[in-house]
């Protein structure tokens, strides 16, 4: 964060950062542990846990997220 603030020439608050990731125990956990909002990519490494990678089953995805205890601010199937 310090390096980003130096590049921008102004302070950066955690609420201004959006972490993006598909790994629940790495990307999402790391972001949550550091106070960042997360955009979860559902078509990544955990896609088999909740169905089709591009159209995950909403109930299975919700259960998966609840099981791990993390609540991303949004979910997308993949990055382009």
PDB file of N, CA and C in Angstrom:
ATOM      1  N   UNK A   1       0.832  -1.177   0.000  1.00  0.00           N
ATOM      2  CA  UNK A   1       0.000   0.000   0.000  1.00  0.00           C
ATOM      3  C   UNK A   1       0.884   1.250   0.000  1.00  0.00           C
ATOM      4  N   UNK A   2       1.973   1.170   0.709  1.00  0.00           N
ATOM      5  CA  UNK A   2       2.864   2.321   0.764  1.00  0.00           C
ATOM      6  C   UNK A   2       3.404   2.652  -0.626  1.00  0.00           C
ATOM      7  N   UNK A   3       3.776   1.614  -1.375  1.00  0.00           N
ATOM      8  CA  UNK A   3       4.319   1.829  -2.715  1.00  0.00           C
ATOM      9  C   UNK A   3       3.272   2.435  -3.646  1.00  0.00           C
ATOM     10  N   UNK A   4       2.034   1.968  -3.532  1.00  0.00           N
ATOM     11  CA  UNK A   4       0.952   2.513  -4.361  1.00  0.00           C
ATOM     12  C   UNK A   4       0.719   3.976  -4.010  1.00  0.00           C
ATOM     13  N   UNK A   5       0.723   4.287  -2.734  1.00  0.00           N
ATOM     14  CA  UNK A   5       0.543   5.671  -2.300  1.00  0.00           C
ATOM     15  C   UNK A   5       1.656   6.562  -2.838  1.00  0.00           C
ATOM     16  N   UNK A   6       2.865   6.041  -2.854  1.00  0.00           N
ATOM     17  CA  UNK A   6       3.984   6.825  -3.390  1.00  0.00           C
ATOM     18  C   UNK A   6       3.815   7.071  -4.886  1.00  0.00           C
ATOM     19  N   UNK A   7       3.372   6.060  -5.617  1.00  0.00           N
ATOM     20  CA  UNK A   7       3.157   6.215  -7.057  1.00  0.00           C
ATOM     21  C   UNK A   7       2.051   7.230  -7.332  1.00  0.00           C
ATOM     22  N   UNK A   8       0.958   7.133  -6.575  1.00  0.00           N
ATOM     23  CA  UNK A   8      -0.173   8.038  -6.773  1.00  0.00           C
ATOM     24  C   UNK A   8       0.051   9.422  -6.183  1.00  0.00           C
ATOM     25  N   UNK A   9       0.973   9.509  -5.252  1.00  0.00           N
ATOM     26  CA  UNK A   9       1.231  10.788  -4.605  1.00  0.00           C
ATOM     27  C   UNK A   9       0.187  11.163  -3.573  1.00  0.00           C
ATOM     28  N   UNK A  10      -0.539  10.173  -3.083  1.00  0.00           N
ATOM     29  CA  UNK A  10      -1.552  10.415  -2.052  1.00  0.00           C
ATOM     30  C   UNK A  10      -1.827   9.119  -1.295  1.00  0.00           C
ATOM     31  N   UNK A  11      -2.347   9.226  -0.088  1.00  0.00           N
ATOM     32  CA  UNK A  11      -2.631   8.025   0.701  1.00  0.00           C
ATOM     33  C   UNK A  11      -3.691   7.152   0.029  1.00  0.00           C
ATOM     34  N   UNK A  12      -3.589   5.846   0.253  1.00  0.00           N
ATOM     35  CA  UNK A  12      -4.569   4.891  -0.260  1.00  0.00           C
ATOM     36  C   UNK A  12      -5.149   4.137   0.933  1.00  0.00           C
ATOM     37  N   UNK A  13      -6.459   4.155   1.037  1.00  0.00           N
ATOM     38  CA  UNK A  13      -7.140   3.446   2.123  1.00  0.00           C
ATOM     39  C   UNK A  13      -7.494   2.032   1.667  1.00  0.00           C
ATOM     40  N   UNK A  14      -7.598   1.119   2.609  1.00  0.00           N
ATOM     41  CA  UNK A  14      -7.931  -0.268   2.273  1.00  0.00           C
ATOM     42  C   UNK A  14      -9.259  -0.370   1.520  1.00  0.00           C
ATOM     43  N   UNK A  15     -10.195   0.482   1.838  1.00  0.00           N
ATOM     44  CA  UNK A  15     -11.492   0.472   1.173  1.00  0.00           C
ATOM     45  C   UNK A  15     -11.435   0.882  -0.290  1.00  0.00           C
ATOM     46  N   UNK A  16     -10.299   1.392  -0.731  1.00  0.00           N
ATOM     47  CA  UNK A  16     -10.125   1.780  -2.127  1.00  0.00           C
ATOM     48  C   UNK A  16      -9.517   0.659  -2.962  1.00  0.00           C
ATOM     49  N   UNK A  17      -9.204  -0.456  -2.320  1.00  0.00           N
ATOM     50  CA  UNK A  17      -8.533  -1.566  -2.993  1.00  0.00           C
ATOM     51  C   UNK A  17      -9.513  -2.723  -3.166  1.00  0.00           C
ATOM     52  N   UNK A  18      -9.511  -3.321  -4.343  1.00  0.00           N
ATOM     53  CA  UNK A  18     -10.306  -4.511  -4.606  1.00  0.00           C
ATOM     54  C   UNK A  18      -9.359  -5.635  -4.997  1.00  0.00           C
ATOM     55  N   UNK A  19      -9.311  -6.665  -4.172  1.00  0.00           N
ATOM     56  CA  UNK A  19      -8.500  -7.842  -4.489  1.00  0.00           C
ATOM     57  C   UNK A  19      -9.318  -8.750  -5.399  1.00  0.00           C
ATOM     58  N   UNK A  20      -8.648  -9.416  -6.322  1.00  0.00           N
ATOM     59  CA  UNK A  20      -9.311 -10.318  -7.263  1.00  0.00           C
ATOM     60  C   UNK A  20      -8.617 -11.669  -7.188  1.00  0.00           C
ATOM     61  N   UNK A  21      -9.399 -12.733  -7.020  1.00  0.00           N
ATOM     62  CA  UNK A  21      -8.764 -14.036  -6.965  1.00  0.00           C
ATOM     63  C   UNK A  21      -9.727 -15.192  -7.055  1.00  0.00           C
ATOM     64  N   UNK A  22      -9.148 -16.376  -7.295  1.00  0.00           N
ATOM     65  CA  UNK A  22      -9.945 -17.596  -7.394  1.00  0.00           C
ATOM     66  C   UNK A  22      -9.567 -18.630  -6.340  1.00  0.00           C
ATOM     67  N   UNK A  23      -8.521 -18.416  -5.609  1.00  0.00           N
ATOM     68  CA  UNK A  23      -8.082 -19.361  -4.583  1.00  0.00           C
ATOM     69  C   UNK A  23      -8.637 -18.971  -3.225  1.00  0.00           C
ATOM     70  N   UNK A  24      -9.512 -19.812  -2.683  1.00  0.00           N
ATOM     71  CA  UNK A  24     -10.171 -19.476  -1.423  1.00  0.00           C
ATOM     72  C   UNK A  24      -9.182 -19.348  -0.269  1.00  0.00           C
ATOM     73  N   UNK A  25      -8.249 -20.282  -0.146  1.00  0.00           N
ATOM     74  CA  UNK A  25      -7.346 -20.261   0.999  1.00  0.00           C
ATOM     75  C   UNK A  25      -6.086 -19.428   0.755  1.00  0.00           C
ATOM     76  N   UNK A  26      -5.948 -18.880  -0.421  1.00  0.00           N
ATOM     77  CA  UNK A  26      -4.797 -18.019  -0.712  1.00  0.00           C
ATOM     78  C   UNK A  26      -5.276 -16.612  -1.028  1.00  0.00           C
ATOM     79  N   UNK A  27      -5.849 -16.416  -2.199  1.00  0.00           N
ATOM     80  CA  UNK A  27      -6.269 -15.082  -2.642  1.00  0.00           C
ATOM     81  C   UNK A  27      -7.327 -14.470  -1.726  1.00  0.00           C
ATOM     82  N   UNK A  28      -8.421 -15.198  -1.543  1.00  0.00           N
ATOM     83  CA  UNK A  28      -9.554 -14.659  -0.788  1.00  0.00           C
ATOM     84  C   UNK A  28      -9.210 -14.521   0.691  1.00  0.00           C
ATOM     85  N   UNK A  29      -8.611 -15.545   1.269  1.00  0.00           N
ATOM     86  CA  UNK A  29      -8.220 -15.482   2.683  1.00  0.00           C
ATOM     87  C   UNK A  29      -7.212 -14.361   2.913  1.00  0.00           C
ATOM     88  N   UNK A  30      -6.220 -14.262   2.046  1.00  0.00           N
ATOM     89  CA  UNK A  30      -5.212 -13.213   2.189  1.00  0.00           C
ATOM     90  C   UNK A  30      -5.807 -11.824   2.128  1.00  0.00           C
ATOM     91  N   UNK A  31      -6.718 -11.629   1.194  1.00  0.00           N
ATOM     92  CA  UNK A  31      -7.373 -10.328   1.076  1.00  0.00           C
ATOM     93  C   UNK A  31      -8.209 -10.034   2.320  1.00  0.00           C
ATOM     94  N   UNK A  32      -9.009 -11.009   2.734  1.00  0.00           N
ATOM     95  CA  UNK A  32      -9.857 -10.818   3.911  1.00  0.00           C
ATOM     96  C   UNK A  32      -9.025 -10.566   5.165  1.00  0.00           C
ATOM     97  N   UNK A  33      -7.948 -11.310   5.324  1.00  0.00           N
ATOM     98  CA  UNK A  33      -7.079 -11.139   6.493  1.00  0.00           C
ATOM     99  C   UNK A  33      -6.438  -9.755   6.540  1.00  0.00           C
ATOM    100  N   UNK A  34      -6.335  -9.109   5.386  1.00  0.00           N
ATOM    101  CA  UNK A  34      -5.718  -7.789   5.322  1.00  0.00           C
ATOM    102  C   UNK A  34      -6.724  -6.663   5.135  1.00  0.00           C
ATOM    103  N   UNK A  35      -8.012  -6.989   5.249  1.00  0.00           N
ATOM    104  CA  UNK A  35      -9.049  -5.969   5.222  1.00  0.00           C
ATOM    105  C   UNK A  35      -9.436  -5.451   3.848  1.00  0.00           C
ATOM    106  N   UNK A  36      -9.187  -6.236   2.805  1.00  0.00           N
ATOM    107  CA  UNK A  36      -9.541  -5.815   1.450  1.00  0.00           C
ATOM    108  C   UNK A  36     -10.841  -6.477   1.002  1.00  0.00           C
ATOM    109  N   UNK A  37     -11.638  -5.754   0.230  1.00  0.00           N
ATOM    110  CA  UNK A  37     -12.785  -6.355  -0.436  1.00  0.00           C
ATOM    111  C   UNK A  37     -12.266  -7.306  -1.504  1.00  0.00           C
ATOM    112  N   UNK A  38     -13.084  -8.316  -1.835  1.00  0.00           N
ATOM    113  CA  UNK A  38     -12.652  -9.339  -2.789  1.00  0.00           C
ATOM    114  C   UNK A  38     -13.682  -9.530  -3.898  1.00  0.00           C
ATOM    115  N   UNK A  39     -13.186  -9.604  -5.118  1.00  0.00           N
ATOM    116  CA  UNK A  39     -13.964 -10.039  -6.275  1.00  0.00           C
ATOM    117  C   UNK A  39     -13.547 -11.481  -6.520  1.00  0.00           C
ATOM    118  N   UNK A  40     -14.471 -12.403  -6.311  1.00  0.00           N
ATOM    119  CA  UNK A  40     -14.152 -13.828  -6.429  1.00  0.00           C
ATOM    120  C   UNK A  40     -14.392 -14.309  -7.854  1.00  0.00           C
ATOM    121  N   UNK A  41     -13.404 -14.997  -8.418  1.00  0.00           N
ATOM    122  CA  UNK A  41     -13.497 -15.554  -9.768  1.00  0.00           C
ATOM    123  C   UNK A  41     -13.924 -17.019  -9.634  1.00  0.00           C
ATOM    124  N   UNK A  42     -15.195 -17.277  -9.904  1.00  0.00           N
ATOM    125  CA  UNK A  42     -15.755 -18.608  -9.650  1.00  0.00           C
ATOM    126  C   UNK A  42     -15.314 -19.676 -10.646  1.00  0.00           C
ATOM    127  N   UNK A  43     -14.825 -19.282 -11.804  1.00  0.00           N
ATOM    128  CA  UNK A  43     -14.399 -20.256 -12.802  1.00  0.00           C
ATOM    129  C   UNK A  43     -12.980 -20.742 -12.616  1.00  0.00           C
ATOM    130  N   UNK A  44     -12.402 -20.479 -11.470  1.00  0.00           N
ATOM    131  CA  UNK A  44     -11.017 -20.858 -11.209  1.00  0.00           C
ATOM    132  C   UNK A  44     -10.874 -22.231 -10.590  1.00  0.00           C
ATOM    133  N   UNK A  45      -9.931 -22.343  -9.677  1.00  0.00           N
ATOM    134  CA  UNK A  45      -9.519 -23.649  -9.165  1.00  0.00           C
ATOM    135  C   UNK A  45     -10.593 -24.398  -8.376  1.00  0.00           C
ATOM    136  N   UNK A  46     -11.610 -23.698  -7.883  1.00  0.00           N
ATOM    137  CA  UNK A  46     -12.651 -24.361  -7.095  1.00  0.00           C
ATOM    138  C   UNK A  46     -13.927 -24.626  -7.889  1.00  0.00           C
ATOM    139  N   UNK A  47     -13.924 -24.381  -9.188  1.00  0.00           N
ATOM    140  CA  UNK A  47     -15.145 -24.461  -9.998  1.00  0.00           C
ATOM    141  C   UNK A  47     -15.871 -25.799  -9.856  1.00  0.00           C
ATOM    142  N   UNK A  48     -15.162 -26.880  -9.716  1.00  0.00           N
ATOM    143  CA  UNK A  48     -15.801 -28.205  -9.586  1.00  0.00           C
ATOM    144  C   UNK A  48     -16.669 -28.318  -8.335  1.00  0.00           C
ATOM    145  N   UNK A  49     -16.394 -27.474  -7.355  1.00  0.00           N
ATOM    146  CA  UNK A  49     -17.150 -27.545  -6.105  1.00  0.00           C
ATOM    147  C   UNK A  49     -18.575 -27.026  -6.234  1.00  0.00           C
ATOM    148  N   UNK A  50     -18.881 -26.295  -7.282  1.00  0.00           N
ATOM    149  CA  UNK A  50     -20.230 -25.727  -7.406  1.00  0.00           C
ATOM    150  C   UNK A  50     -20.782 -25.769  -8.825  1.00  0.00           C
ATOM    151  N   UNK A  51     -20.295 -26.680  -9.646  1.00  0.00           N
ATOM    152  CA  UNK A  51     -20.908 -26.896 -10.953  1.00  0.00           C
ATOM    153  C   UNK A  51     -20.153 -26.270 -12.099  1.00  0.00           C
ATOM    154  N   UNK A  52     -20.881 -25.917 -13.128  1.00  0.00           N
ATOM    155  CA  UNK A  52     -20.323 -25.352 -14.350  1.00  0.00           C
ATOM    156  C   UNK A  52     -19.463 -24.128 -14.053  1.00  0.00           C
ATOM    157  N   UNK A  53     -18.273 -24.086 -14.637  1.00  0.00           N
ATOM    158  CA  UNK A  53     -17.327 -22.999 -14.357  1.00  0.00           C
ATOM    159  C   UNK A  53     -17.868 -21.634 -14.762  1.00  0.00           C
ATOM    160  N   UNK A  54     -18.598 -21.566 -15.860  1.00  0.00           N
ATOM    161  CA  UNK A  54     -19.089 -20.271 -16.338  1.00  0.00           C
ATOM    162  C   UNK A  54     -20.480 -19.929 -15.825  1.00  0.00           C
ATOM    163  N   UNK A  55     -21.216 -20.933 -15.354  1.00  0.00           N
ATOM    164  CA  UNK A  55     -22.542 -20.701 -14.780  1.00  0.00           C
ATOM    165  C   UNK A  55     -22.700 -21.573 -13.536  1.00  0.00           C
ATOM    166  N   UNK A  56     -22.020 -21.189 -12.461  1.00  0.00           N
ATOM    167  CA  UNK A  56     -22.074 -22.015 -11.253  1.00  0.00           C
ATOM    168  C   UNK A  56     -23.481 -22.064 -10.666  1.00  0.00           C
ATOM    169  N   UNK A  57     -23.785 -23.173 -10.031  1.00  0.00           N
ATOM    170  CA  UNK A  57     -25.061 -23.321  -9.348  1.00  0.00           C
ATOM    171  C   UNK A  57     -25.084 -22.345  -8.169  1.00  0.00           C
ATOM    172  N   UNK A  58     -26.035 -21.399  -8.142  1.00  0.00           N
ATOM    173  CA  UNK A  58     -26.044 -20.376  -7.084  1.00  0.00           C
ATOM    174  C   UNK A  58     -26.084 -20.948  -5.669  1.00  0.00           C
ATOM    175  N   UNK A  59     -26.887 -21.978  -5.449  1.00  0.00           N
ATOM    176  CA  UNK A  59     -26.990 -22.551  -4.101  1.00  0.00           C
ATOM    177  C   UNK A  59     -25.687 -23.230  -3.693  1.00  0.00           C
ATOM    178  N   UNK A  60     -25.076 -23.965  -4.613  1.00  0.00           N
ATOM    179  CA  UNK A  60     -23.807 -24.629  -4.302  1.00  0.00           C
ATOM    180  C   UNK A  60     -22.694 -23.610  -4.087  1.00  0.00           C
ATOM    181  N   UNK A  61     -22.682 -22.547  -4.878  1.00  0.00           N
ATOM    182  CA  UNK A  61     -21.673 -21.499  -4.709  1.00  0.00           C
ATOM    183  C   UNK A  61     -21.852 -20.805  -3.362  1.00  0.00           C
ATOM    184  N   UNK A  62     -23.095 -20.479  -3.014  1.00  0.00           N
ATOM    185  CA  UNK A  62     -23.359 -19.840  -1.719  1.00  0.00           C
ATOM    186  C   UNK A  62     -22.921 -20.741  -0.571  1.00  0.00           C
ATOM    187  N   UNK A  63     -23.207 -22.039  -0.677  1.00  0.00           N
ATOM    188  CA  UNK A  63     -22.784 -22.982   0.356  1.00  0.00           C
ATOM    189  C   UNK A  63     -21.276 -23.077   0.465  1.00  0.00           C
ATOM    190  N   UNK A  64     -20.607 -23.066  -0.677  1.00  0.00           N
ATOM    191  CA  UNK A  64     -19.142 -23.114  -0.703  1.00  0.00           C
ATOM    192  C   UNK A  64     -18.557 -21.891  -0.001  1.00  0.00           C
ATOM    193  N   UNK A  65     -19.063 -20.712  -0.335  1.00  0.00           N
ATOM    194  CA  UNK A  65     -18.557 -19.483   0.283  1.00  0.00           C
ATOM    195  C   UNK A  65     -18.845 -19.469   1.778  1.00  0.00           C
ATOM    196  N   UNK A  66     -20.041 -19.894   2.159  1.00  0.00           N
ATOM    197  CA  UNK A  66     -20.402 -19.935   3.576  1.00  0.00           C
ATOM    198  C   UNK A  66     -19.521 -20.920   4.341  1.00  0.00           C
ATOM    199  N   UNK A  67     -19.248 -22.069   3.730  1.00  0.00           N
ATOM    200  CA  UNK A  67     -18.402 -23.085   4.373  1.00  0.00           C
ATOM    201  C   UNK A  67     -17.025 -22.526   4.708  1.00  0.00           C
ATOM    202  N   UNK A  68     -16.508 -21.688   3.833  1.00  0.00           N
ATOM    203  CA  UNK A  68     -15.182 -21.126   4.046  1.00  0.00           C
ATOM    204  C   UNK A  68     -15.206 -19.838   4.866  1.00  0.00           C
ATOM    205  N   UNK A  69     -16.385 -19.255   5.058  1.00  0.00           N
ATOM    206  CA  UNK A  69     -16.515 -18.099   5.926  1.00  0.00           C
ATOM    207  C   UNK A  69     -16.089 -16.772   5.327  1.00  0.00           C
ATOM    208  N   UNK A  70     -16.031 -16.711   3.997  1.00  0.00           N
ATOM    209  CA  UNK A  70     -15.649 -15.456   3.357  1.00  0.00           C
ATOM    210  C   UNK A  70     -16.783 -14.967   2.478  1.00  0.00           C
ATOM    211  N   UNK A  71     -16.996 -13.662   2.485  1.00  0.00           N
ATOM    212  CA  UNK A  71     -18.057 -13.080   1.678  1.00  0.00           C
ATOM    213  C   UNK A  71     -17.506 -12.066   0.701  1.00  0.00           C
ATOM    214  N   UNK A  72     -17.234 -12.498  -0.527  1.00  0.00           N
ATOM    215  CA  UNK A  72     -16.741 -11.537  -1.516  1.00  0.00           C
ATOM    216  C   UNK A  72     -17.808 -10.485  -1.812  1.00  0.00           C
ATOM    217  N   UNK A  73     -17.376  -9.316  -2.266  1.00  0.00           N
ATOM    218  CA  UNK A  73     -18.335  -8.267  -2.614  1.00  0.00           C
ATOM    219  C   UNK A  73     -19.034  -8.576  -3.923  1.00  0.00           C
ATOM    220  N   UNK A  74     -18.419  -9.413  -4.748  1.00  0.00           N
ATOM    221  CA  UNK A  74     -19.013  -9.809  -6.021  1.00  0.00           C
ATOM    222  C   UNK A  74     -18.336 -11.082  -6.509  1.00  0.00           C
ATOM    223  N   UNK A  75     -19.024 -11.755  -7.436  1.00  0.00           N
ATOM    224  CA  UNK A  75     -18.505 -12.982  -8.039  1.00  0.00           C
ATOM    225  C   UNK A  75     -18.634 -12.853  -9.551  1.00  0.00           C
ATOM    226  N   UNK A  76     -17.571 -13.229 -10.261  1.00  0.00           N
ATOM    227  CA  UNK A  76     -17.614 -13.286 -11.718  1.00  0.00           C
ATOM    228  C   UNK A  76     -17.084 -14.649 -12.150  1.00  0.00           C
ATOM    229  N   UNK A  77     -17.524 -15.150 -13.308  1.00  0.00           N
ATOM    230  CA  UNK A  77     -17.064 -16.469 -13.720  1.00  0.00           C
ATOM    231  C   UNK A  77     -15.607 -16.506 -14.158  1.00  0.00           C
ATOM    232  N   UNK A  78     -15.125 -15.442 -14.772  1.00  0.00           N
ATOM    233  CA  UNK A  78     -13.722 -15.408 -15.206  1.00  0.00           C
ATOM    234  C   UNK A  78     -13.325 -13.978 -15.555  1.00  0.00           C
ATOM    235  N   UNK A  79     -12.023 -13.772 -15.647  1.00  0.00           N
ATOM    236  CA  UNK A  79     -11.489 -12.498 -16.128  1.00  0.00           C
ATOM    237  C   UNK A  79     -11.212 -12.652 -17.613  1.00  0.00           C
ATOM    238  N   UNK A  80     -11.409 -11.620 -18.358  1.00  0.00           N
ATOM    239  CA  UNK A  80     -11.124 -11.679 -19.799  1.00  0.00           C
ATOM    240  C   UNK A  80      -9.907 -10.877 -20.109  1.00  0.00           C
TER     241      UNK A  80
END
